[in-house]
């Protein structure tokens, strides 16, 4: 049978673990928020510049033009997909870690209430 002081020690450890988890989740949410990439120049704009300055389409035959246009279309599609995926993961990271922080703070609050209730009940019982 556990002694009351052992139980209190375990409850205090759980309280500190909940508080630590909450703070860690908040730090991770801030970290995710700061990872929002700022694109100075879009892939679309860069590809347009490359096409204008370095690709002489008049020197390519029809097959080469098709392959070039297909490759450029793939790059543009992949860039849009990557940007959308990055944004979704960014949002999920922030909201997920904020939810974890809220749940950890809530559990710490409930544990703290249990400790206070147990301490006041112990004082009344001792009287």
Foldseek 3Di string as FASTA:
>chain_A
DDDPVVVVVVLVVLLVVLQVLLVVLQVQLVVLVVPPDDDPDAPVRVVVVCCVPPNDPVPDDPVVVVVVVVVSVVVVVVRVVVNVVSVVVSVCSNVVSNVSNVVSVVVSVVSVVVVVVVVVVVVVVVD
